[in-house]
Amino acid sequence: MQIDIKGRNVPVTDELREHAERRLEKVSRQVSSLARLELEVFSEPNPRVADHEVAQATLYLKGTTLRACGASPRMLHSLNVVVDELARQVKRHRDKRRHRREAHAAALSRAT
């Protein structure tokens, strides 16, 4: 899986990049090597917003796109929230595809 990390008015430090790659290992094992993940981190400029550190992830798979967004006072926590949400979506997508494939195979075996 190809991972692109972008910072919007926020520097992407080596610590942040390593943390993201380490947390995304589980997701990368579940998707194709052709999948592309865009991770964007930014700080909300409004001082009245308590959860001002925001992370957004977009995972491009074959035929579908998964998105997740997380916000909290700390950037690493926002990143953890996004990765957990993305892992849940990938698991649900894989289960749905497996169920469709099994249903299709069962229908074909009944037809013959």
PDB file of N, CA and C in Angstrom:
ATOM      1  N   MET A   1       0.852  -1.167   0.000  1.00  0.00           N
ATOM      2  CA  MET A   1       0.000   0.000   0.000  1.00  0.00           C
ATOM      3  C   MET A   1       0.900   1.233   0.000  1.00  0.00           C
ATOM      4  N   GLN A   2       0.569   2.161  -0.845  1.00  0.00           N
ATOM      5  CA  GLN A   2       1.311   3.414  -0.934  1.00  0.00           C
ATOM      6  C   GLN A   2       0.672   4.422   0.016  1.00  0.00           C
ATOM      7  N   ILE A   3       1.488   5.057   0.854  1.00  0.00           N
ATOM      8  CA  ILE A   3       0.994   6.011   1.845  1.00  0.00           C
ATOM      9  C   ILE A   3       1.567   7.385   1.533  1.00  0.00           C
ATOM     10  N   ASP A   4       0.685   8.359   1.339  1.00  0.00           N
ATOM     11  CA  ASP A   4       1.074   9.753   1.136  1.00  0.00           C
ATOM     12  C   ASP A   4       0.578  10.559   2.328  1.00  0.00           C
ATOM     13  N   ILE A   5       1.497  11.230   3.019  1.00  0.00           N
ATOM     14  CA  ILE A   5       1.134  12.038   4.182  1.00  0.00           C
ATOM     15  C   ILE A   5       1.367  13.494   3.831  1.00  0.00           C
ATOM     16  N   LYS A   6       0.293  14.291   3.968  1.00  0.00           N
ATOM     17  CA  LYS A   6       0.380  15.717   3.655  1.00  0.00           C
ATOM     18  C   LYS A   6       0.009  16.518   4.897  1.00  0.00           C
ATOM     19  N   GLY A   7       0.683  17.620   5.084  1.00  0.00           N
ATOM     20  CA  GLY A   7       0.360  18.517   6.175  1.00  0.00           C
ATOM     21  C   GLY A   7      -0.116  19.845   5.626  1.00  0.00           C
ATOM     22  N   ARG A   8      -1.273  20.276   6.064  1.00  0.00           N
ATOM     23  CA  ARG A   8      -1.819  21.566   5.626  1.00  0.00           C
ATOM     24  C   ARG A   8      -1.528  22.575   6.733  1.00  0.00           C
ATOM     25  N   ASN A   9      -0.540  23.434   6.505  1.00  0.00           N
ATOM     26  CA  ASN A   9      -0.078  24.421   7.474  1.00  0.00           C
ATOM     27  C   ASN A   9       0.433  23.783   8.763  1.00  0.00           C
ATOM     28  N   VAL A  10       0.813  22.504   8.672  1.00  0.00           N
ATOM     29  CA  VAL A  10       1.374  21.768   9.799  1.00  0.00           C
ATOM     30  C   VAL A  10       2.565  20.976   9.263  1.00  0.00           C
ATOM     31  N   PRO A  11       3.728  21.054   9.903  1.00  0.00           N
ATOM     32  CA  PRO A  11       4.862  20.266   9.412  1.00  0.00           C
ATOM     33  C   PRO A  11       4.653  18.780   9.719  1.00  0.00           C
ATOM     34  N   VAL A  12       4.983  17.937   8.751  1.00  0.00           N
ATOM     35  CA  VAL A  12       4.887  16.487   8.944  1.00  0.00           C
ATOM     36  C   VAL A  12       6.245  16.023   9.459  1.00  0.00           C
ATOM     37  N   THR A  13       6.329  15.766  10.741  1.00  0.00           N
ATOM     38  CA  THR A  13       7.591  15.373  11.353  1.00  0.00           C
ATOM     39  C   THR A  13       7.856  13.898  11.116  1.00  0.00           C
ATOM     40  N   ASP A  14       9.104  13.501  11.333  1.00  0.00           N
ATOM     41  CA  ASP A  14       9.472  12.089  11.194  1.00  0.00           C
ATOM     42  C   ASP A  14       8.731  11.233  12.212  1.00  0.00           C
ATOM     43  N   GLU A  15       8.534  11.768  13.419  1.00  0.00           N
ATOM     44  CA  GLU A  15       7.809  11.039  14.454  1.00  0.00           C
ATOM     45  C   GLU A  15       6.371  10.754  14.007  1.00  0.00           C
ATOM     46  N   LEU A  16       5.721  11.744  13.432  1.00  0.00           N
ATOM     47  CA  LEU A  16       4.350  11.582  12.956  1.00  0.00           C
ATOM     48  C   LEU A  16       4.292  10.577  11.812  1.00  0.00           C
ATOM     49  N   ARG A  17       5.233  10.662  10.894  1.00  0.00           N
ATOM     50  CA  ARG A  17       5.279   9.746   9.751  1.00  0.00           C
ATOM     51  C   ARG A  17       5.509   8.301  10.211  1.00  0.00           C
ATOM     52  N   GLU A  18       6.456   8.094  11.132  1.00  0.00           N
ATOM     53  CA  GLU A  18       6.729   6.750  11.634  1.00  0.00           C
ATOM     54  C   GLU A  18       5.543   6.192  12.410  1.00  0.00           C
ATOM     55  N   HIS A  19       4.902   7.043  13.207  1.00  0.00           N
ATOM     56  CA  HIS A  19       3.731   6.604  13.971  1.00  0.00           C
ATOM     57  C   HIS A  19       2.603   6.181  13.028  1.00  0.00           C
ATOM     58  N   ALA A  20       2.384   6.963  11.981  1.00  0.00           N
ATOM     59  CA  ALA A  20       1.324   6.643  11.022  1.00  0.00           C
ATOM     60  C   ALA A  20       1.635   5.327  10.307  1.00  0.00           C
ATOM     61  N   GLU A  21       2.859   5.151   9.858  1.00  0.00           N
ATOM     62  CA  GLU A  21       3.211   3.924   9.144  1.00  0.00           C
ATOM     63  C   GLU A  21       3.108   2.710  10.055  1.00  0.00           C
ATOM     64  N   ARG A  22       3.525   2.859  11.316  1.00  0.00           N
ATOM     65  CA  ARG A  22       3.448   1.745  12.259  1.00  0.00           C
ATOM     66  C   ARG A  22       1.983   1.374  12.537  1.00  0.00           C
ATOM     67  N   ARG A  23       1.121   2.373  12.700  1.00  0.00           N
ATOM     68  CA  ARG A  23      -0.283   2.099  12.979  1.00  0.00           C
ATOM     69  C   ARG A  23      -1.020   1.546  11.760  1.00  0.00           C
ATOM     70  N   LEU A  24      -0.570   1.906  10.556  1.00  0.00           N
ATOM     71  CA  LEU A  24      -1.258   1.488   9.335  1.00  0.00           C
ATOM     72  C   LEU A  24      -0.787   0.124   8.817  1.00  0.00           C
ATOM     73  N   GLU A  25       0.141  -0.527   9.507  1.00  0.00           N
ATOM     74  CA  GLU A  25       0.604  -1.845   9.063  1.00  0.00           C
ATOM     75  C   GLU A  25      -0.535  -2.848   9.008  1.00  0.00           C
ATOM     76  N   LYS A  26      -1.411  -2.825  10.001  1.00  0.00           N
ATOM     77  CA  LYS A  26      -2.524  -3.771  10.056  1.00  0.00           C
ATOM     78  C   LYS A  26      -3.469  -3.572   8.867  1.00  0.00           C
ATOM     79  N   VAL A  27      -3.740  -2.323   8.532  1.00  0.00           N
ATOM     80  CA  VAL A  27      -4.614  -2.022   7.399  1.00  0.00           C
ATOM     81  C   VAL A  27      -3.937  -2.429   6.091  1.00  0.00           C
ATOM     82  N   SER A  28      -2.641  -2.191   5.977  1.00  0.00           N
ATOM     83  CA  SER A  28      -1.939  -2.492   4.729  1.00  0.00           C
ATOM     84  C   SER A  28      -1.882  -3.993   4.452  1.00  0.00           C
ATOM     85  N   ARG A  29      -1.914  -4.809   5.505  1.00  0.00           N
ATOM     86  CA  ARG A  29      -1.935  -6.270   5.295  1.00  0.00           C
ATOM     87  C   ARG A  29      -3.278  -6.737   4.748  1.00  0.00           C
ATOM     88  N   GLN A  30      -4.338  -5.982   4.996  1.00  0.00           N
ATOM     89  CA  GLN A  30      -5.677  -6.401   4.604  1.00  0.00           C
ATOM     90  C   GLN A  30      -6.089  -5.909   3.224  1.00  0.00           C
ATOM     91  N   VAL A  31      -5.339  -4.986   2.639  1.00  0.00           N
ATOM     92  CA  VAL A  31      -5.709  -4.448   1.336  1.00  0.00           C
ATOM     93  C   VAL A  31      -4.637  -4.814   0.312  1.00  0.00           C
ATOM     94  N   SER A  32      -4.950  -4.579  -0.929  1.00  0.00           N
ATOM     95  CA  SER A  32      -4.038  -4.876  -2.025  1.00  0.00           C
ATOM     96  C   SER A  32      -2.806  -3.989  -1.965  1.00  0.00           C
ATOM     97  N   SER A  33      -1.737  -4.464  -2.571  1.00  0.00           N
ATOM     98  CA  SER A  33      -0.523  -3.651  -2.624  1.00  0.00           C
ATOM     99  C   SER A  33      -0.696  -2.464  -3.576  1.00  0.00           C
ATOM    100  N   LEU A  34      -1.725  -2.496  -4.411  1.00  0.00           N
ATOM    101  CA  LEU A  34      -2.009  -1.407  -5.331  1.00  0.00           C
ATOM    102  C   LEU A  34      -2.827  -0.289  -4.687  1.00  0.00           C
ATOM    103  N   ALA A  35      -3.302  -0.497  -3.478  1.00  0.00           N
ATOM    104  CA  ALA A  35      -4.116   0.505  -2.788  1.00  0.00           C
ATOM    105  C   ALA A  35      -3.275   1.738  -2.475  1.00  0.00           C
ATOM    106  N   ARG A  36      -3.938   2.885  -2.444  1.00  0.00           N
ATOM    107  CA  ARG A  36      -3.268   4.149  -2.158  1.00  0.00           C
ATOM    108  C   ARG A  36      -3.991   4.855  -1.017  1.00  0.00           C
ATOM    109  N   LEU A  37      -3.232   5.297  -0.039  1.00  0.00           N
ATOM    110  CA  LEU A  37      -3.792   5.990   1.117  1.00  0.00           C
ATOM    111  C   LEU A  37      -3.244   7.406   1.162  1.00  0.00           C
ATOM    112  N   GLU A  38      -4.135   8.376   1.238  1.00  0.00           N
ATOM    113  CA  GLU A  38      -3.749   9.770   1.412  1.00  0.00           C
ATOM    114  C   GLU A  38      -4.153  10.188   2.819  1.00  0.00           C
ATOM    115  N   LEU A  39      -3.179  10.586   3.596  1.00  0.00           N
ATOM    116  CA  LEU A  39      -3.411  11.023   4.966  1.00  0.00           C
ATOM    117  C   LEU A  39      -3.089  12.504   5.036  1.00  0.00           C
ATOM    118  N   GLU A  40      -4.070  13.305   5.450  1.00  0.00           N
ATOM    119  CA  GLU A  40      -3.889  14.752   5.534  1.00  0.00           C
ATOM    120  C   GLU A  40      -4.078  15.182   6.975  1.00  0.00           C
ATOM    121  N   VAL A  41      -3.106  15.920   7.496  1.00  0.00           N
ATOM    122  CA  VAL A  41      -3.182  16.422   8.865  1.00  0.00           C
ATOM    123  C   VAL A  41      -3.187  17.946   8.818  1.00  0.00           C
ATOM    124  N   PHE A  42      -4.001  18.537   9.675  1.00  0.00           N
ATOM    125  CA  PHE A  42      -4.039  20.002   9.757  1.00  0.00           C
ATOM    126  C   PHE A  42      -4.565  20.423  11.115  1.00  0.00           C
ATOM    127  N   SER A  43      -4.353  21.683  11.410  1.00  0.00           N
ATOM    128  CA  SER A  43      -4.814  22.259  12.665  1.00  0.00           C
ATOM    129  C   SER A  43      -5.943  23.231  12.360  1.00  0.00           C
ATOM    130  N   GLU A  44      -7.043  23.072  13.061  1.00  0.00           N
ATOM    131  CA  GLU A  44      -8.210  23.944  12.867  1.00  0.00           C
ATOM    132  C   GLU A  44      -7.869  25.331  13.399  1.00  0.00           C
ATOM    133  N   PRO A  45      -8.020  26.384  12.568  1.00  0.00           N
ATOM    134  CA  PRO A  45      -7.609  27.720  13.010  1.00  0.00           C
ATOM    135  C   PRO A  45      -8.563  28.384  14.005  1.00  0.00           C
ATOM    136  N   ASN A  46      -9.771  27.870  14.156  1.00  0.00           N
ATOM    137  CA  ASN A  46     -10.743  28.494  15.044  1.00  0.00           C
ATOM    138  C   ASN A  46     -10.371  28.210  16.503  1.00  0.00           C
ATOM    139  N   PRO A  47     -10.110  29.215  17.322  1.00  0.00           N
ATOM    140  CA  PRO A  47      -9.704  28.972  18.711  1.00  0.00           C
ATOM    141  C   PRO A  47     -10.817  28.430  19.594  1.00  0.00           C
ATOM    142  N   ARG A  48     -12.060  28.535  19.165  1.00  0.00           N
ATOM    143  CA  ARG A  48     -13.175  28.026  19.974  1.00  0.00           C
ATOM    144  C   ARG A  48     -13.401  26.532  19.799  1.00  0.00           C
ATOM    145  N   VAL A  49     -12.728  25.925  18.826  1.00  0.00           N
ATOM    146  CA  VAL A  49     -12.859  24.494  18.600  1.00  0.00           C
ATOM    147  C   VAL A  49     -11.866  23.773  19.513  1.00  0.00           C
ATOM    148  N   ALA A  50     -12.381  22.927  20.405  1.00  0.00           N
ATOM    149  CA  ALA A  50     -11.509  22.242  21.363  1.00  0.00           C
ATOM    150  C   ALA A  50     -10.655  21.178  20.669  1.00  0.00           C
ATOM    151  N   ASP A  51     -11.263  20.424  19.754  1.00  0.00           N
ATOM    152  CA  ASP A  51     -10.536  19.387  19.032  1.00  0.00           C
ATOM    153  C   ASP A  51      -9.963  19.993  17.764  1.00  0.00           C
ATOM    154  N   HIS A  52      -8.851  20.695  17.910  1.00  0.00           N
ATOM    155  CA  HIS A  52      -8.330  21.475  16.790  1.00  0.00           C
ATOM    156  C   HIS A  52      -7.318  20.730  15.931  1.00  0.00           C
ATOM    157  N   GLU A  53      -6.790  19.595  16.394  1.00  0.00           N
ATOM    158  CA  GLU A  53      -5.859  18.801  15.583  1.00  0.00           C
ATOM    159  C   GLU A  53      -6.674  17.768  14.822  1.00  0.00           C
ATOM    160  N   VAL A  54      -6.655  17.840  13.484  1.00  0.00           N
ATOM    161  CA  VAL A  54      -7.523  17.009  12.649  1.00  0.00           C
ATOM    162  C   VAL A  54      -6.666  16.151  11.719  1.00  0.00           C
ATOM    163  N   ALA A  55      -7.081  14.900  11.557  1.00  0.00           N
ATOM    164  CA  ALA A  55      -6.451  13.994  10.604  1.00  0.00           C
ATOM    165  C   ALA A  55      -7.556  13.394   9.731  1.00  0.00           C
ATOM    166  N   GLN A  56      -7.328  13.389   8.417  1.00  0.00           N
ATOM    167  CA  GLN A  56      -8.287  12.819   7.478  1.00  0.00           C
ATOM    168  C   GLN A  56      -7.554  11.801   6.610  1.00  0.00           C
ATOM    169  N   ALA A  57      -8.183  10.664   6.384  1.00  0.00           N
ATOM    170  CA  ALA A  57      -7.575   9.620   5.563  1.00  0.00           C
ATOM    171  C   ALA A  57      -8.537   9.239   4.454  1.00  0.00           C
ATOM    172  N   THR A  58      -7.988   9.033   3.260  1.00  0.00           N
ATOM    173  CA  THR A  58      -8.751   8.567   2.115  1.00  0.00           C
ATOM    174  C   THR A  58      -8.013   7.372   1.549  1.00  0.00           C
ATOM    175  N   LEU A  59      -8.680   6.232   1.520  1.00  0.00           N
ATOM    176  CA  LEU A  59      -8.088   4.989   1.025  1.00  0.00           C
ATOM    177  C   LEU A  59      -8.754   4.633  -0.294  1.00  0.00           C
ATOM    178  N   TYR A  60      -7.962   4.607  -1.360  1.00  0.00           N
ATOM    179  CA  TYR A  60      -8.469   4.285  -2.686  1.00  0.00           C
ATOM    180  C   TYR A  60      -8.200   2.808  -2.957  1.00  0.00           C
ATOM    181  N   LEU A  61      -9.275   2.033  -3.041  1.00  0.00           N
ATOM    182  CA  LEU A  61      -9.192   0.617  -3.369  1.00  0.00           C
ATOM    183  C   LEU A  61      -9.748   0.406  -4.762  1.00  0.00           C
ATOM    184  N   LYS A  62      -9.619  -0.798  -5.259  1.00  0.00           N
ATOM    185  CA  LYS A  62     -10.155  -1.108  -6.579  1.00  0.00           C
ATOM    186  C   LYS A  62     -11.678  -1.063  -6.500  1.00  0.00           C
ATOM    187  N   GLY A  63     -12.266  -0.036  -7.113  1.00  0.00           N
ATOM    188  CA  GLY A  63     -13.717   0.058  -7.187  1.00  0.00           C
ATOM    189  C   GLY A  63     -14.381   0.779  -6.037  1.00  0.00           C
ATOM    190  N   THR A  64     -13.651   1.155  -5.009  1.00  0.00           N
ATOM    191  CA  THR A  64     -14.280   1.836  -3.884  1.00  0.00           C
ATOM    192  C   THR A  64     -13.295   2.794  -3.217  1.00  0.00           C
ATOM    193  N   THR A  65     -13.831   3.740  -2.496  1.00  0.00           N
ATOM    194  CA  THR A  65     -13.028   4.704  -1.757  1.00  0.00           C
ATOM    195  C   THR A  65     -13.553   4.761  -0.335  1.00  0.00           C
ATOM    196  N   LEU A  66     -12.653   4.642   0.634  1.00  0.00           N
ATOM    197  CA  LEU A  66     -13.018   4.703   2.044  1.00  0.00           C
ATOM    198  C   LEU A  66     -12.422   5.963   2.645  1.00  0.00           C
ATOM    199  N   ARG A  67     -13.209   6.657   3.480  1.00  0.00           N
ATOM    200  CA  ARG A  67     -12.746   7.894   4.097  1.00  0.00           C
ATOM    201  C   ARG A  67     -12.974   7.837   5.599  1.00  0.00           C
ATOM    202  N   ALA A  68     -12.051   8.461   6.331  1.00  0.00           N
ATOM    203  CA  ALA A  68     -12.191   8.553   7.784  1.00  0.00           C
ATOM    204  C   ALA A  68     -11.627   9.889   8.235  1.00  0.00           C
ATOM    205  N   CYS A  69     -12.203  10.414   9.302  1.00  0.00           N
ATOM    206  CA  CYS A  69     -11.762  11.704   9.830  1.00  0.00           C
ATOM    207  C   CYS A  69     -11.778  11.621  11.353  1.00  0.00           C
ATOM    208  N   GLY A  70     -10.756  12.204  11.959  1.00  0.00           N
ATOM    209  CA  GLY A  70     -10.691  12.215  13.416  1.00  0.00           C
ATOM    210  C   GLY A  70     -10.131  13.537  13.907  1.00  0.00           C
ATOM    211  N   ALA A  71     -10.649  14.015  15.040  1.00  0.00           N
ATOM    212  CA  ALA A  71     -10.185  15.276  15.612  1.00  0.00           C
ATOM    213  C   ALA A  71     -10.049  15.129  17.112  1.00  0.00           C
ATOM    214  N   SER A  72      -9.006  15.727  17.645  1.00  0.00           N
ATOM    215  CA  SER A  72      -8.790  15.721  19.087  1.00  0.00           C
ATOM    216  C   SER A  72      -7.795  16.838  19.418  1.00  0.00           C
ATOM    217  N   PRO A  73      -7.532  17.076  20.690  1.00  0.00           N
ATOM    218  CA  PRO A  73      -6.564  18.124  21.045  1.00  0.00           C
ATOM    219  C   PRO A  73      -5.121  17.768  20.675  1.00  0.00           C
ATOM    220  N   ARG A  74      -4.814  16.464  20.503  1.00  0.00           N
ATOM    221  CA  ARG A  74      -3.450  16.046  20.162  1.00  0.00           C
ATOM    222  C   ARG A  74      -3.444  15.350  18.807  1.00  0.00           C
ATOM    223  N   MET A  75      -2.414  15.610  18.004  1.00  0.00           N
ATOM    224  CA  MET A  75      -2.339  15.074  16.646  1.00  0.00           C
ATOM    225  C   MET A  75      -2.199  13.558  16.631  1.00  0.00           C
ATOM    226  N   LEU A  76      -1.380  12.988  17.508  1.00  0.00           N
ATOM    227  CA  LEU A  76      -1.190  11.539  17.503  1.00  0.00           C
ATOM    228  C   LEU A  76      -2.486  10.820  17.871  1.00  0.00           C
ATOM    229  N   HIS A  77      -3.268  11.401  18.769  1.00  0.00           N
ATOM    230  CA  HIS A  77      -4.548  10.795  19.111  1.00  0.00           C
ATOM    231  C   HIS A  77      -5.518  10.873  17.932  1.00  0.00           C
ATOM    232  N   SER A  78      -5.514  11.980  17.223  1.00  0.00           N
ATOM    233  CA  SER A  78      -6.356  12.104  16.027  1.00  0.00           C
ATOM    234  C   SER A  78      -5.981  11.049  14.998  1.00  0.00           C
ATOM    235  N   LEU A  79      -4.688  10.836  14.842  1.00  0.00           N
ATOM    236  CA  LEU A  79      -4.205   9.829  13.908  1.00  0.00           C
ATOM    237  C   LEU A  79      -4.655   8.431  14.329  1.00  0.00           C
ATOM    238  N   ASN A  80      -4.604   8.131  15.622  1.00  0.00           N
ATOM    239  CA  ASN A  80      -5.056   6.829  16.111  1.00  0.00           C
ATOM    240  C   ASN A  80      -6.548   6.626  15.850  1.00  0.00           C
ATOM    241  N   VAL A  81      -7.332   7.665  16.044  1.00  0.00           N
ATOM    242  CA  VAL A  81      -8.776   7.586  15.800  1.00  0.00           C
ATOM    243  C   VAL A  81      -9.044   7.285  14.325  1.00  0.00           C
ATOM    244  N   VAL A  82      -8.324   7.960  13.438  1.00  0.00           N
ATOM    245  CA  VAL A  82      -8.511   7.761  12.000  1.00  0.00           C
ATOM    246  C   VAL A  82      -8.126   6.340  11.600  1.00  0.00           C
ATOM    247  N   VAL A  83      -7.021   5.845  12.111  1.00  0.00           N
ATOM    248  CA  VAL A  83      -6.565   4.504  11.748  1.00  0.00           C
ATOM    249  C   VAL A  83      -7.553   3.450  12.244  1.00  0.00           C
ATOM    250  N   ASP A  84      -8.073   3.610  13.450  1.00  0.00           N
ATOM    251  CA  ASP A  84      -9.055   2.663  13.966  1.00  0.00           C
ATOM    252  C   ASP A  84     -10.325   2.662  13.120  1.00  0.00           C
ATOM    253  N   GLU A  85     -10.788   3.842  12.750  1.00  0.00           N
ATOM    254  CA  GLU A  85     -11.985   3.957  11.912  1.00  0.00           C
ATOM    255  C   GLU A  85     -11.750   3.328  10.538  1.00  0.00           C
ATOM    256  N   LEU A  86     -10.591   3.569   9.960  1.00  0.00           N
ATOM    257  CA  LEU A  86     -10.262   3.014   8.652  1.00  0.00           C
ATOM    258  C   LEU A  86     -10.156   1.490   8.724  1.00  0.00           C
ATOM    259  N   ALA A  87      -9.561   0.969   9.779  1.00  0.00           N
ATOM    260  CA  ALA A  87      -9.454  -0.486   9.944  1.00  0.00           C
ATOM    261  C   ALA A  87     -10.844  -1.114  10.037  1.00  0.00           C
ATOM    262  N   ARG A  88     -11.751  -0.453  10.747  1.00  0.00           N
ATOM    263  CA  ARG A  88     -13.121  -0.968  10.859  1.00  0.00           C
ATOM    264  C   ARG A  88     -13.803  -0.982   9.500  1.00  0.00           C
ATOM    265  N   GLN A  89     -13.615   0.090   8.716  1.00  0.00           N
ATOM    266  CA  GLN A  89     -14.233   0.161   7.397  1.00  0.00           C
ATOM    267  C   GLN A  89     -13.655  -0.883   6.444  1.00  0.00           C
ATOM    268  N   VAL A  90     -12.337  -1.099   6.497  1.00  0.00           N
ATOM    269  CA  VAL A  90     -11.705  -2.100   5.631  1.00  0.00           C
ATOM    270  C   VAL A  90     -12.209  -3.493   5.984  1.00  0.00           C
ATOM    271  N   LYS A  91     -12.322  -3.787   7.278  1.00  0.00           N
ATOM    272  CA  LYS A  91     -12.828  -5.102   7.700  1.00  0.00           C
ATOM    273  C   LYS A  91     -14.259  -5.308   7.217  1.00  0.00           C
ATOM    274  N   ARG A  92     -15.084  -4.285   7.350  1.00  0.00           N
ATOM    275  CA  ARG A  92     -16.477  -4.383   6.905  1.00  0.00           C
ATOM    276  C   ARG A  92     -16.558  -4.574   5.393  1.00  0.00           C
ATOM    277  N   HIS A  93     -15.714  -3.844   4.650  1.00  0.00           N
ATOM    278  CA  HIS A  93     -15.684  -3.965   3.192  1.00  0.00           C
ATOM    279  C   HIS A  93     -15.253  -5.364   2.780  1.00  0.00           C
ATOM    280  N   ARG A  94     -14.234  -5.916   3.433  1.00  0.00           N
ATOM    281  CA  ARG A  94     -13.756  -7.264   3.095  1.00  0.00           C
ATOM    282  C   ARG A  94     -14.812  -8.317   3.426  1.00  0.00           C
ATOM    283  N   ASP A  95     -15.481  -8.184   4.573  1.00  0.00           N
ATOM    284  CA  ASP A  95     -16.528  -9.139   4.945  1.00  0.00           C
ATOM    285  C   ASP A  95     -17.685  -9.091   3.949  1.00  0.00           C
ATOM    286  N   LYS A  96     -18.040  -7.894   3.519  1.00  0.00           N
ATOM    287  CA  LYS A  96     -19.129  -7.743   2.560  1.00  0.00           C
ATOM    288  C   LYS A  96     -18.784  -8.403   1.230  1.00  0.00           C
ATOM    289  N   ARG A  97     -17.553  -8.190   0.765  1.00  0.00           N
ATOM    290  CA  ARG A  97     -17.124  -8.810  -0.496  1.00  0.00           C
ATOM    291  C   ARG A  97     -17.072 -10.329  -0.382  1.00  0.00           C
ATOM    292  N   ARG A  98     -16.573 -10.835   0.752  1.00  0.00           N
ATOM    293  CA  ARG A  98     -16.498 -12.289   0.955  1.00  0.00           C
ATOM    294  C   ARG A  98     -17.900 -12.892   0.974  1.00  0.00           C
ATOM    295  N   HIS A  99     -18.832 -12.209   1.650  1.00  0.00           N
ATOM    296  CA  HIS A  99     -20.203 -12.709   1.721  1.00  0.00           C
ATOM    297  C   HIS A  99     -20.833 -12.754   0.324  1.00  0.00           C
ATOM    298  N   ARG A 100     -20.616 -11.724  -0.479  1.00  0.00           N
ATOM    299  CA  ARG A 100     -21.156 -11.712  -1.846  1.00  0.00           C
ATOM    300  C   ARG A 100     -20.572 -12.831  -2.680  1.00  0.00           C
ATOM    301  N   ARG A 101     -19.255 -13.041  -2.533  1.00  0.00           N
ATOM    302  CA  ARG A 101     -18.586 -14.093  -3.304  1.00  0.00           C
ATOM    303  C   ARG A 101     -19.127 -15.470  -2.913  1.00  0.00           C
ATOM    304  N   GLU A 102     -19.312 -15.705  -1.615  1.00  0.00           N
ATOM    305  CA  GLU A 102     -19.843 -16.993  -1.161  1.00  0.00           C
ATOM    306  C   GLU A 102     -21.287 -17.191  -1.613  1.00  0.00           C
ATOM    307  N   ALA A 103     -22.089 -16.140  -1.575  1.00  0.00           N
ATOM    308  CA  ALA A 103     -23.483 -16.232  -2.019  1.00  0.00           C
ATOM    309  C   ALA A 103     -23.541 -16.521  -3.501  1.00  0.00           C
ATOM    310  N   HIS A 104     -22.662 -15.894  -4.276  1.00  0.00           N
ATOM    311  CA  HIS A 104     -22.636 -16.133  -5.718  1.00  0.00           C
ATOM    312  C   HIS A 104     -22.217 -17.567  -6.012  1.00  0.00           C
ATOM    313  N   ALA A 105     -21.236 -18.083  -5.296  1.00  0.00           N
ATOM    314  CA  ALA A 105     -20.784 -19.462  -5.510  1.00  0.00           C
ATOM    315  C   ALA A 105     -21.877 -20.457  -5.116  1.00  0.00           C
ATOM    316  N   ALA A 106     -22.613 -20.175  -4.057  1.00  0.00           N
ATOM    317  CA  ALA A 106     -23.704 -21.037  -3.628  1.00  0.00           C
ATOM    318  C   ALA A 106     -24.827 -21.030  -4.663  1.00  0.00           C
ATOM    319  N   ALA A 107     -25.123 -19.884  -5.230  1.00  0.00           N
ATOM    320  CA  ALA A 107     -26.173 -19.792  -6.248  1.00  0.00           C
ATOM    321  C   ALA A 107     -25.776 -20.549  -7.512  1.00  0.00           C
ATOM    322  N   LEU A 108     -24.525 -20.474  -7.872  1.00  0.00           N
ATOM    323  CA  LEU A 108     -24.054 -21.216  -9.047  1.00  0.00           C
ATOM    324  C   LEU A 108     -24.106 -22.721  -8.832  1.00  0.00           C
ATOM    325  N   SER A 109     -23.767 -23.167  -7.620  1.00  0.00           N
ATOM    326  CA  SER A 109     -23.792 -24.615  -7.342  1.00  0.00           C
ATOM    327  C   SER A 109     -25.228 -25.132  -7.304  1.00  0.00           C
ATOM    328  N   ARG A 110     -26.176 -24.306  -6.850  1.00  0.00           N
ATOM    329  CA  ARG A 110     -27.583 -24.728  -6.853  1.00  0.00           C
ATOM    330  C   ARG A 110     -28.139 -24.775  -8.269  1.00  0.00           C
ATOM    331  N   ALA A 111     -27.654 -23.906  -9.151  1.00  0.00           N
ATOM    332  CA  ALA A 111     -28.175 -23.831 -10.507  1.00  0.00           C
ATOM    333  C   ALA A 111     -27.727 -25.037 -11.347  1.00  0.00           C
ATOM    334  N   THR A 112     -26.609 -25.642 -10.996  1.00  0.00           N
ATOM    335  CA  THR A 112     -26.132 -26.785 -11.806  1.00  0.00           C
ATOM    336  C   THR A 112     -26.578 -28.096 -11.278  1.00  0.00           C
TER     337      THR A 112
END
